Amino acid sequence: MKRYIEAVRRILKEGEVSFDPRTKTYTIGISGHQSEYDMREGFPLLTTKNVPPRLPFGELFWKLRGERNVKSLVDNNIHFWTANAFDRYLKTNNLTLSFPKHSEQWNKAFEEYSKKIAEDSEFAKVMGDLGPVYGHQWRHWKKPVLISAHAGNREWEPESLEIRWVDQLEKLVNGIIKNPNSRYHVLSAWNPGELDEMAIGPCPFWHQFTVKGDQLDLHMVQRSCDTYLGVPFNIAQDSLLLHMIAKETELKPRNYIHTMINAHIYLGIEPRANFWKDQDNVTQFKSRINETEKRSDYLDIKNWYLNIAPEEERGNERKDHIPFVLEQMSKEFRSLPSITLEDIPFFEAIKLPVDQVVKVIGYNPHKWDAKAVMSA
């Protein structure tokens, strides 16, 4: 996973500090970066920290089924969409001002909401809806069709619009099989007409497959990249997608190319984030990063940082990802695992639990307290 670590190091060395108005947090980030992962070298699960495969894989299956509600994720102990559903719930019920983000009121209300989603299916059916996100667009893209004026059974029918649905995923698989050299093998989640209905606009929004001989490549473009928490999941998830589509189309998975736009690391909120408002602190931090010669140097930087940066606010701990990133940078790479897929047709496989379809072999990551808090 050298290429992932290279991206992280570049953000630490070159990144600029800014405030994100949606999450109300500070970040350090760069405008773009591209990494490439060769599936023939092993399956790219991060080894410098533990990335439980069931989490990214479970979310992928959820997307591939075209689901848009958090309930089935929560039922499978996958919780990283729940805060986005809660934000949408607040907006839908005009409660945003009553529960400011990062406040004690927000934290308490979110805890109650999460419990209700888990225990009350009827509540979850309505209030766990995320809108037409990701998989909904992959499986149910709206296609307005103009019905011309015509003579009906008894009387003249005026011109009208009819909504039909496009299953992009089905078209993708059939397209690769029937016309492999086409450049139309695309899944798009970016639907401008429905962005306002989504809990959050898609981060990975463009997946394009390319066939070269008997090999299949996937290029994914991501508009916003939470590099510590999200990107390792994106890499694992889309690498599995590449393997599954390759198997279904009788091709060999080869390269996963990941284009990251606005690649950032979260710095938390005030008072911790006040460290990053001082340009002298930023300059000194980057200087220390540039001077690193061995992995243990990152632990020295972590200790220096924690000694001089303000404490995180109670109730908002672990929203600053820098200590976790520096700890991770100190770890040695380990051998990549491999995966096997059961011989189950693709559209049947995605209806099953992940562990009945995918087996990960030889995954031995460094295990340490790597649980930062996601900024929703």
Protein backbone atom coordinates (compact mmCIF):
# COMPACT_ATOMS: atom_id res chain seq x y z
CA MET A 1 0.00 0.00 0.00
CA LYS A 2 2.93 2.27 -0.68
CA ARG A 3 0.86 4.36 -3.10
CA TYR A 4 -1.73 5.17 -0.45
CA ILE A 5 0.97 6.23 2.02
CA GLU A 6 2.52 8.40 -0.71
CA ALA A 7 -0.81 10.23 -1.06
CA VAL A 8 -1.04 10.77 2.71
CA ARG A 9 2.53 12.08 2.90
CA ARG A 10 1.90 14.47 0.03
CA ILE A 11 -1.12 15.93 1.85
CA LEU A 12 0.96 16.41 5.01
CA LYS A 13 3.79 18.06 3.06
CA GLU A 14 1.85 20.20 0.59
CA GLY A 15 -1.66 20.54 1.99
CA GLU A 16 -3.43 23.81 2.71
CA VAL A 17 -5.67 24.37 5.73
CA SER A 18 -9.30 25.28 5.15
CA PHE A 19 -12.69 25.21 6.87
CA ASP A 20 -15.36 22.86 5.54
CA PRO A 21 -18.78 24.51 5.88
CA ARG A 22 -20.76 21.26 5.61
CA THR A 23 -19.02 19.30 8.37
CA LYS A 24 -18.04 22.45 10.33
CA THR A 25 -14.50 21.10 10.66
CA TYR A 26 -11.02 22.10 9.51
CA THR A 27 -9.02 20.07 7.00
CA ILE A 28 -5.59 20.03 5.43
CA GLY A 29 -5.76 19.00 1.81
CA ILE A 30 -4.62 19.15 -1.80
CA SER A 31 -6.69 19.64 -4.94
CA GLY A 32 -5.87 16.35 -6.59
CA HIS A 33 -3.83 13.14 -6.60
CA GLN A 34 -3.87 9.86 -8.51
CA SER A 35 -2.86 6.39 -7.34
CA GLU A 36 -2.79 3.06 -9.17
CA TYR A 37 -3.10 -0.40 -7.63
CA ASP A 38 -2.16 -3.58 -9.49
CA MET A 39 -4.40 -6.48 -8.48
CA ARG A 40 -1.67 -8.92 -9.55
CA GLU A 41 0.44 -7.70 -6.61
CA GLY A 42 -2.25 -8.63 -4.09
CA PHE A 43 -5.58 -7.30 -2.91
CA PRO A 44 -5.11 -3.70 -1.65
CA LEU A 45 -6.35 -3.89 1.92
CA LEU A 46 -4.36 -1.47 4.06
CA THR A 47 -1.88 -3.23 6.34
CA THR A 48 -0.66 -0.23 8.36
CA LYS A 49 -4.00 -0.38 10.19
CA ASN A 50 -6.86 -2.84 10.31
CA VAL A 51 -9.60 -2.34 7.72
CA PRO A 52 -12.24 -4.99 8.55
CA PRO A 53 -13.20 -6.28 5.07
CA ARG A 54 -16.86 -6.79 5.96
CA LEU A 55 -17.34 -3.00 6.28
CA PRO A 56 -16.35 -1.79 2.79
CA PHE A 57 -17.59 -5.02 1.21
CA GLY A 58 -20.94 -4.79 2.98
CA GLU A 59 -21.43 -1.21 1.83
CA LEU A 60 -20.55 -2.21 -1.74
CA PHE A 61 -23.20 -4.95 -1.79
CA TRP A 62 -25.71 -2.43 -0.38
CA LYS A 63 -24.92 -0.06 -3.25
CA LEU A 64 -25.04 -2.79 -5.86
CA ARG A 65 -28.53 -3.76 -4.70
CA GLY A 66 -29.64 -0.16 -5.27
CA GLU A 67 -30.60 0.46 -1.64
CA ARG A 68 -30.96 3.94 -0.17
CA ASN A 69 -31.92 3.30 3.47
CA VAL A 70 -29.44 2.83 6.33
CA LYS A 71 -31.52 0.14 8.05
CA SER A 72 -29.94 -2.91 6.39
CA LEU A 73 -26.47 -1.46 7.01
CA VAL A 74 -27.24 -0.89 10.69
CA ASP A 75 -28.66 -4.39 10.96
CA ASN A 76 -25.27 -5.63 9.73
CA ASN A 77 -23.40 -3.44 12.23
CA ILE A 78 -22.23 -0.98 9.56
CA HIS A 79 -22.75 2.53 10.87
CA PHE A 80 -20.82 5.06 8.81
CA TRP A 81 -23.92 6.25 6.90
CA THR A 82 -26.06 6.75 10.01
CA ALA A 83 -24.88 10.29 10.78
CA ASN A 84 -25.67 11.37 7.21
CA ALA A 85 -29.17 9.90 7.57
CA PHE A 86 -29.54 11.77 10.86
CA ASP A 87 -28.53 15.07 9.22
CA ARG A 88 -31.13 14.48 6.51
CA TYR A 89 -33.70 13.65 9.20
CA LEU A 90 -32.94 16.98 10.94
CA LYS A 91 -33.26 18.93 7.68
CA THR A 92 -36.46 17.15 6.67
CA ASN A 93 -38.05 18.00 10.02
CA ASN A 94 -36.65 21.56 10.21
CA LEU A 95 -34.59 20.72 13.30
CA THR A 96 -31.13 21.75 12.11
CA LEU A 97 -31.00 24.97 14.15
CA SER A 98 -32.15 23.14 17.28
CA PHE A 99 -29.27 20.67 17.06
CA PRO A 100 -26.09 22.49 15.94
CA LYS A 101 -23.37 20.20 14.63
CA HIS A 102 -20.74 19.13 17.21
CA SER A 103 -22.98 20.33 20.08
CA GLU A 104 -23.96 18.23 23.09
CA GLN A 105 -27.57 18.42 21.90
CA TRP A 106 -26.59 16.99 18.49
CA ASN A 107 -24.58 14.16 20.05
CA LYS A 108 -27.40 13.17 22.40
CA ALA A 109 -30.09 13.37 19.70
CA PHE A 110 -27.93 11.32 17.33
CA GLU A 111 -27.52 8.62 19.96
CA GLU A 112 -31.29 8.43 20.42
CA TYR A 113 -31.88 8.44 16.64
CA SER A 114 -29.35 5.62 16.11
CA LYS A 115 -31.05 3.49 18.76
CA LYS A 116 -34.46 4.06 17.19
CA ILE A 117 -33.19 3.17 13.71
CA ALA A 118 -31.84 -0.10 15.09
CA GLU A 119 -34.98 -1.02 17.04
CA ASP A 120 -37.95 0.49 15.16
CA SER A 121 -38.34 -0.74 11.58
CA GLU A 122 -41.30 1.53 10.83
CA PHE A 123 -39.36 4.60 11.98
CA ALA A 124 -36.32 3.46 9.98
CA LYS A 125 -38.40 2.93 6.84
CA VAL A 126 -39.07 6.67 6.64
CA MET A 127 -36.42 8.37 8.73
CA GLY A 128 -33.52 6.13 7.68
CA ASP A 129 -33.90 7.11 4.04
CA LEU A 130 -30.84 8.81 2.51
CA GLY A 131 -32.52 9.92 -0.68
CA PRO A 132 -31.42 8.80 -4.17
CA VAL A 133 -27.75 8.15 -3.31
CA TYR A 134 -25.09 5.99 -4.99
CA GLY A 135 -26.68 2.61 -5.60
CA HIS A 136 -30.07 4.13 -6.30
CA GLN A 137 -28.49 6.01 -9.19
CA TRP A 138 -26.65 2.86 -10.34
CA ARG A 139 -29.86 0.81 -10.45
CA HIS A 140 -32.67 3.40 -10.80
CA TRP A 141 -31.48 6.40 -12.80
CA LYS A 142 -34.52 8.48 -13.82
CA LYS A 143 -35.16 8.73 -17.54
CA PRO A 144 -37.99 11.09 -18.55
CA VAL A 145 -39.58 9.88 -21.79
CA LEU A 146 -41.71 12.21 -23.91
CA ILE A 147 -44.95 10.52 -24.96
CA SER A 148 -46.16 12.23 -28.12
CA ALA A 149 -49.73 13.30 -28.55
CA HIS A 150 -51.70 10.42 -30.01
CA ALA A 151 -55.12 8.91 -30.39
CA GLY A 152 -55.95 6.76 -27.39
CA ASN A 153 -58.61 4.08 -27.19
CA ARG A 154 -61.44 6.59 -27.17
CA GLU A 155 -60.04 10.10 -27.24
CA TRP A 156 -56.98 12.17 -28.07
CA GLU A 157 -54.13 11.82 -25.53
CA PRO A 158 -52.07 15.04 -25.06
CA GLU A 159 -48.28 15.10 -25.00
CA SER A 160 -46.89 13.96 -21.61
CA LEU A 161 -43.74 12.89 -19.78
CA GLU A 162 -43.35 9.38 -18.41
CA ILE A 163 -40.61 8.40 -15.95
CA ARG A 164 -38.74 5.20 -16.70
CA TRP A 165 -35.72 3.73 -14.95
CA VAL A 166 -32.25 2.92 -16.26
CA ASP A 167 -30.34 0.08 -14.58
CA GLN A 168 -26.78 1.28 -15.21
CA LEU A 169 -25.24 -1.76 -13.55
CA GLU A 170 -27.09 -4.22 -15.76
CA LYS A 171 -26.21 -2.21 -18.86
CA LEU A 172 -22.56 -2.09 -17.74
CA VAL A 173 -22.22 -5.86 -17.33
CA ASN A 174 -24.02 -6.60 -20.61
CA GLY A 175 -21.98 -3.94 -22.40
CA ILE A 176 -18.65 -5.41 -21.29
CA ILE A 177 -19.75 -8.88 -22.41
CA LYS A 178 -21.23 -7.86 -25.77
CA ASN A 179 -18.96 -4.96 -26.76
CA PRO A 180 -15.79 -5.15 -24.63
CA ASN A 181 -13.81 -2.51 -26.54
CA SER A 182 -16.46 0.17 -26.07
CA ARG A 183 -15.59 3.26 -24.05
CA TYR A 184 -19.12 3.43 -22.63
CA HIS A 185 -18.57 1.12 -19.64
CA VAL A 186 -19.52 3.71 -17.03
CA LEU A 187 -21.40 3.92 -13.73
CA SER A 188 -22.30 7.51 -12.83
CA ALA A 189 -23.72 8.49 -9.45
CA TRP A 190 -23.65 12.24 -10.16
CA ASN A 191 -27.22 13.25 -10.99
CA PRO A 192 -27.50 17.07 -10.75
CA GLY A 193 -31.28 16.90 -10.89
CA GLU A 194 -31.44 14.89 -7.66
CA LEU A 195 -28.49 16.19 -5.65
CA ASP A 196 -30.72 18.26 -3.38
CA GLU A 197 -32.67 15.13 -2.41
CA MET A 198 -29.56 13.23 -1.30
CA ALA A 199 -28.29 13.14 2.28
CA ILE A 200 -24.87 13.83 0.76
CA GLY A 201 -23.74 14.10 -2.82
CA PRO A 202 -21.72 11.09 -4.02
CA CYS A 203 -18.00 11.26 -3.23
CA PRO A 204 -16.94 8.47 -5.60
CA PHE A 205 -19.11 9.53 -8.54
CA TRP A 206 -17.56 8.04 -11.69
CA HIS A 207 -16.55 4.42 -12.29
CA GLN A 208 -15.28 3.59 -15.77
CA PHE A 209 -14.17 0.12 -16.84
CA THR A 210 -11.74 -0.55 -19.69
CA VAL A 211 -11.06 -3.90 -21.35
CA LYS A 212 -7.57 -4.59 -22.69
CA GLY A 213 -7.34 -8.07 -24.19
CA ASP A 214 -8.51 -10.45 -21.47
CA GLN A 215 -7.88 -7.95 -18.66
CA LEU A 216 -10.17 -5.44 -16.98
CA ASP A 217 -9.21 -2.09 -15.43
CA LEU A 218 -11.33 0.24 -13.31
CA HIS A 219 -10.79 4.00 -13.03
CA MET A 220 -12.73 5.70 -10.23
CA VAL A 221 -12.99 9.47 -9.80
CA GLN A 222 -13.80 10.82 -6.32
CA ARG A 223 -14.74 14.46 -5.75
CA SER A 224 -14.02 14.51 -1.99
CA CYS A 225 -11.64 12.21 -0.14
CA ASP A 226 -11.49 11.65 3.61
CA THR A 227 -8.02 10.23 3.24
CA TYR A 228 -7.56 8.63 6.65
CA LEU A 229 -10.96 7.01 7.20
CA GLY A 230 -12.68 6.89 3.84
CA VAL A 231 -10.03 6.29 1.19
CA PRO A 232 -8.82 2.88 2.51
CA PHE A 233 -12.46 1.76 2.33
CA ASN A 234 -12.83 3.17 -1.20
CA ILE A 235 -9.73 1.31 -2.38
CA ALA A 236 -10.89 -2.01 -0.90
CA GLN A 237 -14.47 -1.59 -2.06
CA ASP A 238 -13.73 -0.69 -5.66
CA SER A 239 -11.01 -3.33 -5.94
CA LEU A 240 -13.65 -5.89 -4.97
CA LEU A 241 -16.04 -4.38 -7.53
CA LEU A 242 -13.32 -4.81 -10.17
CA HIS A 243 -12.85 -8.47 -9.20
CA MET A 244 -16.59 -9.18 -9.23
CA ILE A 245 -17.25 -7.53 -12.61
CA ALA A 246 -14.19 -9.27 -14.07
CA LYS A 247 -15.45 -12.65 -12.86
CA GLU A 248 -18.93 -12.06 -14.27
CA THR A 249 -17.54 -11.02 -17.67
CA GLU A 250 -14.86 -13.75 -17.76
CA LEU A 251 -11.96 -11.30 -17.64
CA LYS A 252 -8.96 -10.90 -15.33
CA PRO A 253 -8.89 -7.97 -12.86
CA ARG A 254 -5.79 -5.85 -13.43
CA ASN A 255 -5.49 -2.18 -12.43
CA TYR A 256 -7.55 0.01 -10.14
CA ILE A 257 -6.82 3.68 -10.82
CA HIS A 258 -8.05 6.12 -8.17
CA THR A 259 -8.31 9.81 -9.03
CA MET A 260 -8.77 11.85 -5.86
CA ILE A 261 -10.09 15.42 -6.03
CA ASN A 262 -9.95 17.49 -2.83
CA ALA A 263 -7.96 14.89 -0.91
CA HIS A 264 -7.90 15.93 2.73
CA ILE A 265 -7.23 14.95 6.33
CA TYR A 266 -9.55 16.17 9.07
CA LEU A 267 -8.12 18.45 11.76
CA GLY A 268 -11.16 18.50 14.01
CA ILE A 269 -12.90 21.54 15.46
CA GLU A 270 -11.91 24.33 17.82
CA PRO A 271 -10.11 24.43 20.19
CA ARG A 272 -7.90 21.66 18.71
CA ALA A 273 -8.13 23.20 15.24
CA ASN A 274 -6.76 26.50 16.57
CA PHE A 275 -3.28 24.97 16.20
CA TRP A 276 -3.76 25.05 12.43
CA LYS A 277 -4.88 28.68 12.32
CA ASP A 278 -1.34 29.72 13.24
CA GLN A 279 0.77 29.68 10.08
CA ASP A 280 3.97 29.29 12.11
CA ASN A 281 2.59 26.02 13.51
CA VAL A 282 1.70 24.82 10.01
CA THR A 283 5.14 25.70 8.70
CA GLN A 284 6.88 23.94 11.58
CA PHE A 285 4.68 20.85 11.17
CA LYS A 286 5.48 20.58 7.46
CA SER A 287 9.16 21.14 8.10
CA ARG A 288 9.19 18.21 10.52
CA ILE A 289 7.39 16.03 7.96
CA ASN A 290 9.91 16.95 5.28
CA GLU A 291 12.80 16.07 7.56
CA THR A 292 11.61 12.54 8.38
CA GLU A 293 14.17 9.85 7.55
CA LYS A 294 12.70 6.79 9.27
CA ARG A 295 9.28 5.62 10.32
CA SER A 296 9.83 6.30 14.02
CA ASP A 297 10.22 10.01 13.18
CA TYR A 298 6.44 10.17 12.70
CA LEU A 299 5.92 9.13 16.31
CA ASP A 300 8.20 11.97 17.41
CA ILE A 301 6.10 14.39 15.37
CA LYS A 302 2.94 12.95 16.90
CA ASN A 303 4.27 13.49 20.44
CA TRP A 304 5.41 17.03 19.60
CA TYR A 305 2.00 17.82 18.09
CA LEU A 306 -0.02 16.48 21.02
CA ASN A 307 2.17 18.34 23.49
CA ILE A 308 1.55 21.77 21.96
CA ALA A 309 -1.88 21.49 20.28
CA PRO A 310 -4.95 22.37 22.40
CA GLU A 311 -6.92 19.47 23.87
CA GLU A 312 -9.95 18.27 21.94
CA GLU A 313 -13.30 19.34 23.33
CA ARG A 314 -15.09 16.79 25.49
CA GLY A 315 -17.64 14.93 23.38
CA ASN A 316 -15.74 15.73 20.19
CA GLU A 317 -12.64 13.62 20.73
CA ARG A 318 -10.99 11.77 17.83
CA LYS A 319 -12.28 14.19 15.20
CA ASP A 320 -8.70 15.33 14.66
CA HIS A 321 -7.20 12.61 12.45
CA ILE A 322 -3.60 13.87 12.49
CA PRO A 323 -2.46 11.75 15.50
CA PHE A 324 -3.92 8.64 13.86
CA VAL A 325 -2.30 9.45 10.52
CA LEU A 326 1.12 9.93 12.12
CA GLU A 327 0.78 6.67 14.05
CA GLN A 328 -0.14 4.88 10.84
CA MET A 329 2.83 6.38 8.97
CA SER A 330 5.15 4.82 11.55
CA LYS A 331 4.06 1.25 10.68
CA GLU A 332 5.95 -1.09 8.35
CA PHE A 333 4.14 -2.45 5.30
CA ARG A 334 3.06 -6.08 5.44
CA SER A 335 2.26 -8.52 2.65
CA LEU A 336 -1.04 -7.92 0.89
CA PRO A 337 -3.80 -10.53 1.19
CA SER A 338 -5.65 -12.20 -1.67
CA ILE A 339 -9.36 -12.83 -2.21
CA THR A 340 -11.47 -15.61 -3.68
CA LEU A 341 -15.03 -15.34 -4.98
CA GLU A 342 -17.60 -18.11 -4.81
CA ASP A 343 -18.93 -19.31 -8.16
CA ILE A 344 -22.23 -17.44 -7.91
CA PRO A 345 -23.70 -15.26 -10.71
CA PHE A 346 -23.10 -11.57 -9.99
CA PHE A 347 -26.72 -10.44 -9.58
CA GLU A 348 -27.44 -13.35 -7.26
CA ALA A 349 -24.24 -12.87 -5.27
CA ILE A 350 -25.03 -9.26 -4.29
CA LYS A 351 -28.24 -10.41 -2.58
CA LEU A 352 -26.27 -12.66 -0.22
CA PRO A 353 -24.27 -11.87 2.93
CA VAL A 354 -20.73 -10.86 2.02
CA ASP A 355 -19.09 -13.78 3.81
CA GLN A 356 -20.99 -16.22 1.58
CA VAL A 357 -19.46 -14.65 -1.52
CA VAL A 358 -15.99 -13.29 -0.69
CA LYS A 359 -13.11 -14.87 1.21
CA VAL A 360 -10.04 -12.84 2.24
CA ILE A 361 -6.88 -14.89 2.60
CA GLY A 362 -3.73 -13.90 4.47
CA TYR A 363 -4.75 -10.51 5.85
CA ASN A 364 -2.41 -9.59 8.71
CA PRO A 365 -2.61 -5.84 9.39
CA HIS A 366 -1.09 -3.88 12.27
CA LYS A 367 -3.77 -3.71 14.97
CA TRP A 368 -3.81 -0.60 17.14
CA ASP A 369 -6.35 1.95 18.39
CA ALA A 370 -7.05 3.51 14.99
CA LYS A 371 -10.68 4.55 15.59
CA ALA A 372 -10.94 8.18 14.57
CA VAL A 373 -14.41 9.75 14.32
CA MET A 374 -15.88 10.41 10.91
CA SER A 375 -17.00 13.94 10.09
CA ALA A 376 -20.55 13.68 8.72
